[in-house]
Protein backbone atom coordinates (compact mmCIF):
# COMPACT_ATOMS: atom_id res chain seq x y z
CA MET A 1 75.62 111.63 111.07
CA SER A 2 75.72 110.69 114.72
CA ARG A 3 78.47 108.28 115.75
CA GLU A 4 76.85 105.55 117.83
CA LYS A 5 79.43 102.77 117.88
CA ARG A 6 83.08 102.67 118.90
CA PHE A 7 85.63 100.28 117.45
CA SER A 8 89.25 99.68 118.35
CA MET A 9 91.85 97.44 116.79
CA TRP A 10 95.45 96.43 117.09
CA MET A 11 97.85 97.08 114.22
CA THR A 12 101.56 96.90 113.64
CA ASP A 13 103.74 100.00 113.74
CA ARG A 14 104.09 99.74 109.97
CA GLU A 15 100.31 99.55 109.42
CA TYR A 16 99.82 102.54 111.73
CA GLU A 17 102.43 104.61 109.91
CA LYS A 18 100.97 103.73 106.50
CA LEU A 19 97.49 104.76 107.67
CA LYS A 20 98.82 107.95 109.24
CA ILE A 21 100.78 108.93 106.12
CA TYR A 22 97.85 108.17 103.82
CA ALA A 23 95.42 110.14 105.99
CA GLY A 24 97.81 113.08 106.06
CA SER A 25 98.22 113.01 102.29
CA GLN A 26 94.42 113.21 101.95
CA SER A 27 94.04 115.83 104.73
CA VAL A 28 91.62 113.63 106.67
CA SER A 29 91.76 111.77 109.96
CA MET A 30 92.80 108.15 110.17
CA ALA A 31 89.27 107.34 111.32
CA GLU A 32 87.85 109.01 108.22
CA VAL A 33 90.06 106.86 105.97
CA LEU A 34 88.62 103.74 107.61
CA ARG A 35 85.04 105.08 107.46
CA ASP A 36 85.43 105.82 103.75
CA TYR A 37 86.76 102.31 103.13
CA ILE A 38 83.86 100.73 105.02
CA LYS A 39 81.41 102.71 102.86
CA ILE A 40 82.71 101.01 99.70
CA LEU A 41 82.59 97.44 101.02
CA THR A 42 80.26 95.15 99.12
CA PRO A 43 77.58 93.53 101.31
CA PRO A 44 77.91 89.77 101.68
CA LYS A 45 75.75 87.56 99.46
CA GLY A 46 72.24 87.34 100.85
CA GLY A 47 72.35 90.94 102.05
CA ASP A 48 72.74 90.06 105.74
CA THR A 49 75.18 92.57 107.25
CA THR A 50 74.47 91.67 110.88
CA SER A 51 76.34 88.39 111.20
CA HIS A 52 79.50 86.70 110.03
CA PRO A 53 79.55 83.05 108.95
């Protein structure tokens, strides 16, 4: 799958360390952890994934 969008975010040192440790325990990148989480998100009611109320 081609990566077409870039996203950045701020997080605390603790959040970063938790993500880093979890990713390491799963032998995946931190980005892959977030991608996998996004895949399991339930679409909002109405099915519109392009806007936020």
